[in-house]
């Protein structure tokens, strides 16, 4: 069994050079080990955030 408690928070960021992007903070616990990671995706790729989030979860658990 794998136990987990994961929170994924996001906010919109505006950058004059980069444009609009989404900043994500993923934190929680997988199998009793706490973790926290952040990642940023440009506006046109933000719809695919689950891909990045799943890679982080796999890396930690």
PDB file of N, CA and C in Angstrom:
ATOM      1  N   UNK A   1       0.824  -1.195   0.000  1.00  0.00           N
ATOM      2  CA  UNK A   1       0.000   0.000   0.000  1.00  0.00           C
ATOM      3  C   UNK A   1       0.863   1.251   0.000  1.00  0.00           C
ATOM      4  N   UNK A   2       0.412   2.233  -0.721  1.00  0.00           N
ATOM      5  CA  UNK A   2       1.080   3.533  -0.754  1.00  0.00           C
ATOM      6  C   UNK A   2       0.134   4.550  -0.126  1.00  0.00           C
ATOM      7  N   UNK A   3       0.630   5.248   0.893  1.00  0.00           N
ATOM      8  CA  UNK A   3      -0.184   6.304   1.497  1.00  0.00           C
ATOM      9  C   UNK A   3       0.306   7.653   0.988  1.00  0.00           C
ATOM     10  N   UNK A   4      -0.630   8.553   0.789  1.00  0.00           N
ATOM     11  CA  UNK A   4      -0.244   9.869   0.289  1.00  0.00           C
ATOM     12  C   UNK A   4      -1.237  10.937   0.731  1.00  0.00           C
ATOM     13  N   UNK A   5      -0.739  12.137   0.837  1.00  0.00           N
ATOM     14  CA  UNK A   5      -1.525  13.336   1.110  1.00  0.00           C
ATOM     15  C   UNK A   5      -0.835  14.451   0.341  1.00  0.00           C
ATOM     16  N   UNK A   6      -1.406  14.848  -0.773  1.00  0.00           N
ATOM     17  CA  UNK A   6      -0.750  15.784  -1.692  1.00  0.00           C
ATOM     18  C   UNK A   6      -1.648  16.998  -1.924  1.00  0.00           C
ATOM     19  N   UNK A   7      -1.020  18.166  -1.895  1.00  0.00           N
ATOM     20  CA  UNK A   7      -1.730  19.418  -2.164  1.00  0.00           C
ATOM     21  C   UNK A   7      -1.048  20.106  -3.335  1.00  0.00           C
ATOM     22  N   UNK A   8      -1.839  20.546  -4.285  1.00  0.00           N
ATOM     23  CA  UNK A   8      -1.318  21.253  -5.454  1.00  0.00           C
ATOM     24  C   UNK A   8      -1.981  22.629  -5.495  1.00  0.00           C
ATOM     25  N   UNK A   9      -1.161  23.646  -5.313  1.00  0.00           N
ATOM     26  CA  UNK A   9      -1.663  25.019  -5.326  1.00  0.00           C
ATOM     27  C   UNK A   9      -1.097  25.738  -6.546  1.00  0.00           C
ATOM     28  N   UNK A  10      -1.843  26.714  -7.032  1.00  0.00           N
ATOM     29  CA  UNK A  10      -1.367  27.439  -8.214  1.00  0.00           C
ATOM     30  C   UNK A  10      -1.784  28.900  -8.146  1.00  0.00           C
ATOM     31  N   UNK A  11      -1.066  29.713  -8.864  1.00  0.00           N
ATOM     32  CA  UNK A  11      -1.461  31.099  -9.050  1.00  0.00           C
ATOM     33  C   UNK A  11      -0.969  31.572 -10.413  1.00  0.00           C
ATOM     34  N   UNK A  12      -1.650  32.565 -10.935  1.00  0.00           N
ATOM     35  CA  UNK A  12      -1.313  33.141 -12.239  1.00  0.00           C
ATOM     36  C   UNK A  12      -0.259  34.218 -12.020  1.00  0.00           C
ATOM     37  N   UNK A  13       0.770  34.194 -12.853  1.00  0.00           N
ATOM     38  CA  UNK A  13       1.820  35.202 -12.775  1.00  0.00           C
ATOM     39  C   UNK A  13       1.952  35.903 -14.117  1.00  0.00           C
ATOM     40  N   UNK A  14       2.170  37.193 -14.051  1.00  0.00           N
ATOM     41  CA  UNK A  14       2.367  38.008 -15.251  1.00  0.00           C
ATOM     42  C   UNK A  14       3.817  38.472 -15.288  1.00  0.00           C
ATOM     43  N   UNK A  15       4.475  38.249 -16.394  1.00  0.00           N
ATOM     44  CA  UNK A  15       5.849  38.695 -16.579  1.00  0.00           C
ATOM     45  C   UNK A  15       5.894  39.509 -17.866  1.00  0.00           C
ATOM     46  N   UNK A  16       6.465  40.712 -17.834  1.00  0.00           N
ATOM     47  CA  UNK A  16       6.493  41.550 -19.035  1.00  0.00           C
ATOM     48  C   UNK A  16       7.181  40.879 -20.222  1.00  0.00           C
ATOM     49  N   UNK A  17       8.198  40.071 -19.960  1.00  0.00           N
ATOM     50  CA  UNK A  17       8.932  39.415 -21.048  1.00  0.00           C
ATOM     51  C   UNK A  17       8.344  38.053 -21.409  1.00  0.00           C
ATOM     52  N   UNK A  18       7.969  37.269 -20.392  1.00  0.00           N
ATOM     53  CA  UNK A  18       7.501  35.897 -20.615  1.00  0.00           C
ATOM     54  C   UNK A  18       5.996  35.806 -20.872  1.00  0.00           C
ATOM     55  N   UNK A  19       5.245  36.800 -20.432  1.00  0.00           N
ATOM     56  CA  UNK A  19       3.795  36.752 -20.574  1.00  0.00           C
ATOM     57  C   UNK A  19       3.152  36.061 -19.377  1.00  0.00           C
ATOM     58  N   UNK A  20       1.955  35.562 -19.565  1.00  0.00           N
ATOM     59  CA  UNK A  20       1.203  34.917 -18.497  1.00  0.00           C
ATOM     60  C   UNK A  20       1.672  33.484 -18.314  1.00  0.00           C
ATOM     61  N   UNK A  21       1.811  33.085 -17.051  1.00  0.00           N
ATOM     62  CA  UNK A  21       2.181  31.703 -16.750  1.00  0.00           C
ATOM     63  C   UNK A  21       1.479  31.273 -15.466  1.00  0.00           C
ATOM     64  N   UNK A  22       1.533  29.981 -15.213  1.00  0.00           N
ATOM     65  CA  UNK A  22       0.964  29.413 -13.992  1.00  0.00           C
ATOM     66  C   UNK A  22       2.113  28.905 -13.138  1.00  0.00           C
ATOM     67  N   UNK A  23       2.115  29.310 -11.879  1.00  0.00           N
ATOM     68  CA  UNK A  23       3.122  28.850 -10.935  1.00  0.00           C
ATOM     69  C   UNK A  23       2.456  27.843  -9.999  1.00  0.00           C
ATOM     70  N   UNK A  24       3.023  26.648  -9.891  1.00  0.00           N
ATOM     71  CA  UNK A  24       2.458  25.572  -9.089  1.00  0.00           C
ATOM     72  C   UNK A  24       3.370  25.257  -7.913  1.00  0.00           C
ATOM     73  N   UNK A  25       2.765  24.990  -6.764  1.00  0.00           N
ATOM     74  CA  UNK A  25       3.480  24.482  -5.602  1.00  0.00           C
ATOM     75  C   UNK A  25       2.815  23.169  -5.227  1.00  0.00           C
ATOM     76  N   UNK A  26       3.596  22.115  -5.216  1.00  0.00           N
ATOM     77  CA  UNK A  26       3.094  20.783  -4.885  1.00  0.00           C
ATOM     78  C   UNK A  26       3.781  20.346  -3.607  1.00  0.00           C
ATOM     79  N   UNK A  27       2.994  20.050  -2.589  1.00  0.00           N
ATOM     80  CA  UNK A  27       3.583  19.631  -1.330  1.00  0.00           C
ATOM     81  C   UNK A  27       2.710  18.574  -0.687  1.00  0.00           C
ATOM     82  N   UNK A  28       3.327  17.810   0.172  1.00  0.00           N
ATOM     83  CA  UNK A  28       2.587  16.781   0.866  1.00  0.00           C
ATOM     84  C   UNK A  28       3.495  15.708   1.401  1.00  0.00           C
ATOM     85  N   UNK A  29       2.937  14.510   1.424  1.00  0.00           N
ATOM     86  CA  UNK A  29       3.625  13.375   2.011  1.00  0.00           C
ATOM     87  C   UNK A  29       3.288  12.128   1.206  1.00  0.00           C
ATOM     88  N   UNK A  30       4.310  11.358   0.869  1.00  0.00           N
ATOM     89  CA  UNK A  30       4.113  10.082   0.187  1.00  0.00           C
ATOM     90  C   UNK A  30       4.865   9.032   0.985  1.00  0.00           C
ATOM     91  N   UNK A  31       4.142   8.026   1.447  1.00  0.00           N
ATOM     92  CA  UNK A  31       4.717   6.973   2.289  1.00  0.00           C
ATOM     93  C   UNK A  31       5.457   7.538   3.491  1.00  0.00           C
ATOM     94  N   UNK A  32       4.892   8.571   4.103  1.00  0.00           N
ATOM     95  CA  UNK A  32       5.478   9.148   5.303  1.00  0.00           C
ATOM     96  C   UNK A  32       6.633  10.104   5.062  1.00  0.00           C
ATOM     97  N   UNK A  33       7.011  10.323   3.808  1.00  0.00           N
ATOM     98  CA  UNK A  33       8.120  11.226   3.491  1.00  0.00           C
ATOM     99  C   UNK A  33       7.570  12.551   2.965  1.00  0.00           C
ATOM    100  N   UNK A  34       7.834  13.641   3.678  1.00  0.00           N
ATOM    101  CA  UNK A  34       7.354  14.941   3.210  1.00  0.00           C
ATOM    102  C   UNK A  34       8.160  15.448   2.015  1.00  0.00           C
ATOM    103  N   UNK A  35       7.513  16.233   1.177  1.00  0.00           N
ATOM    104  CA  UNK A  35       8.187  16.840   0.028  1.00  0.00           C
ATOM    105  C   UNK A  35       7.500  18.150  -0.321  1.00  0.00           C
ATOM    106  N   UNK A  36       8.217  18.986  -1.036  1.00  0.00           N
ATOM    107  CA  UNK A  36       7.658  20.209  -1.610  1.00  0.00           C
ATOM    108  C   UNK A  36       8.464  20.546  -2.849  1.00  0.00           C
ATOM    109  N   UNK A  37       7.768  20.792  -3.943  1.00  0.00           N
ATOM    110  CA  UNK A  37       8.415  21.204  -5.193  1.00  0.00           C
ATOM    111  C   UNK A  37       7.552  22.257  -5.856  1.00  0.00           C
ATOM    112  N   UNK A  38       8.203  23.099  -6.634  1.00  0.00           N
ATOM    113  CA  UNK A  38       7.509  24.135  -7.386  1.00  0.00           C
ATOM    114  C   UNK A  38       7.871  24.001  -8.857  1.00  0.00           C
ATOM    115  N   UNK A  39       6.913  24.346  -9.697  1.00  0.00           N
ATOM    116  CA  UNK A  39       7.192  24.384 -11.128  1.00  0.00           C
ATOM    117  C   UNK A  39       6.318  25.441 -11.777  1.00  0.00           C
ATOM    118  N   UNK A  40       6.735  25.883 -12.927  1.00  0.00           N
ATOM    119  CA  UNK A  40       6.035  26.941 -13.646  1.00  0.00           C
ATOM    120  C   UNK A  40       5.827  26.507 -15.090  1.00  0.00           C
ATOM    121  N   UNK A  41       4.655  26.812 -15.606  1.00  0.00           N
ATOM    122  CA  UNK A  41       4.332  26.478 -16.989  1.00  0.00           C
ATOM    123  C   UNK A  41       3.804  27.717 -17.703  1.00  0.00           C
ATOM    124  N   UNK A  42       4.239  27.935 -18.934  1.00  0.00           N
ATOM    125  CA  UNK A  42       3.684  29.047 -19.701  1.00  0.00           C
ATOM    126  C   UNK A  42       2.195  28.813 -19.971  1.00  0.00           C
ATOM    127  N   UNK A  43       1.519  29.875 -20.240  1.00  0.00           N
ATOM    128  CA  UNK A  43       0.063  29.831 -20.433  1.00  0.00           C
ATOM    129  C   UNK A  43      -0.378  28.741 -21.406  1.00  0.00           C
ATOM    130  N   UNK A  44       0.321  28.593 -22.513  1.00  0.00           N
ATOM    131  CA  UNK A  44      -0.114  27.636 -23.533  1.00  0.00           C
ATOM    132  C   UNK A  44       0.174  26.182 -23.159  1.00  0.00           C
ATOM    133  N   UNK A  45       0.906  25.927 -22.079  1.00  0.00           N
ATOM    134  CA  UNK A  45       1.178  24.555 -21.638  1.00  0.00           C
ATOM    135  C   UNK A  45       0.545  24.231 -20.286  1.00  0.00           C
ATOM    136  N   UNK A  46      -0.084  25.208 -19.646  1.00  0.00           N
ATOM    137  CA  UNK A  46      -0.627  25.014 -18.301  1.00  0.00           C
ATOM    138  C   UNK A  46      -1.704  23.931 -18.255  1.00  0.00           C
ATOM    139  N   UNK A  47      -2.406  23.696 -19.355  1.00  0.00           N
ATOM    140  CA  UNK A  47      -3.443  22.658 -19.383  1.00  0.00           C
ATOM    141  C   UNK A  47      -2.859  21.277 -19.098  1.00  0.00           C
ATOM    142  N   UNK A  48      -1.566  21.105 -19.297  1.00  0.00           N
ATOM    143  CA  UNK A  48      -0.916  19.807 -19.138  1.00  0.00           C
ATOM    144  C   UNK A  48      -0.187  19.697 -17.793  1.00  0.00           C
ATOM    145  N   UNK A  49      -0.657  20.428 -16.778  1.00  0.00           N
ATOM    146  CA  UNK A  49       0.015  20.444 -15.484  1.00  0.00           C
ATOM    147  C   UNK A  49       0.074  19.064 -14.827  1.00  0.00           C
ATOM    148  N   UNK A  50      -0.899  18.200 -15.097  1.00  0.00           N
ATOM    149  CA  UNK A  50      -0.930  16.885 -14.461  1.00  0.00           C
ATOM    150  C   UNK A  50       0.276  16.041 -14.861  1.00  0.00           C
ATOM    151  N   UNK A  51       0.797  16.253 -16.052  1.00  0.00           N
ATOM    152  CA  UNK A  51       1.992  15.526 -16.491  1.00  0.00           C
ATOM    153  C   UNK A  51       3.165  15.844 -15.569  1.00  0.00           C
ATOM    154  N   UNK A  52       3.412  17.117 -15.326  1.00  0.00           N
ATOM    155  CA  UNK A  52       4.508  17.525 -14.450  1.00  0.00           C
ATOM    156  C   UNK A  52       4.256  17.075 -13.013  1.00  0.00           C
ATOM    157  N   UNK A  53       3.015  17.214 -12.546  1.00  0.00           N
ATOM    158  CA  UNK A  53       2.683  16.811 -11.181  1.00  0.00           C
ATOM    159  C   UNK A  53       2.878  15.311 -10.981  1.00  0.00           C
ATOM    160  N   UNK A  54       2.514  14.507 -11.960  1.00  0.00           N
ATOM    161  CA  UNK A  54       2.685  13.055 -11.813  1.00  0.00           C
ATOM    162  C   UNK A  54       4.160  12.676 -11.806  1.00  0.00           C
ATOM    163  N   UNK A  55       4.986  13.364 -12.573  1.00  0.00           N
ATOM    164  CA  UNK A  55       6.437  13.091 -12.552  1.00  0.00           C
ATOM    165  C   UNK A  55       7.024  13.406 -11.184  1.00  0.00           C
ATOM    166  N   UNK A  56       6.566  14.484 -10.559  1.00  0.00           N
ATOM    167  CA  UNK A  56       7.033  14.829  -9.213  1.00  0.00           C
ATOM    168  C   UNK A  56       6.598  13.762  -8.222  1.00  0.00           C
ATOM    169  N   UNK A  57       5.340  13.333  -8.297  1.00  0.00           N
ATOM    170  CA  UNK A  57       4.838  12.303  -7.386  1.00  0.00           C
ATOM    171  C   UNK A  57       5.619  11.001  -7.547  1.00  0.00           C
ATOM    172  N   UNK A  58       5.901  10.618  -8.764  1.00  0.00           N
ATOM    173  CA  UNK A  58       6.671   9.389  -9.012  1.00  0.00           C
ATOM    174  C   UNK A  58       8.071   9.519  -8.429  1.00  0.00           C
ATOM    175  N   UNK A  59       8.679  10.673  -8.600  1.00  0.00           N
ATOM    176  CA  UNK A  59      10.033  10.897  -8.088  1.00  0.00           C
ATOM    177  C   UNK A  59      10.085  10.765  -6.558  1.00  0.00           C
ATOM    178  N   UNK A  60       8.988  11.118  -5.879  1.00  0.00           N
ATOM    179  CA  UNK A  60       8.972  11.102  -4.416  1.00  0.00           C
ATOM    180  C   UNK A  60       8.322   9.854  -3.835  1.00  0.00           C
ATOM    181  N   UNK A  61       7.779   9.014  -4.672  1.00  0.00           N
ATOM    182  CA  UNK A  61       7.095   7.880  -4.069  1.00  0.00           C
ATOM    183  C   UNK A  61       7.137   6.651  -4.865  1.00  0.00           C
TER     184      UNK A  61
END
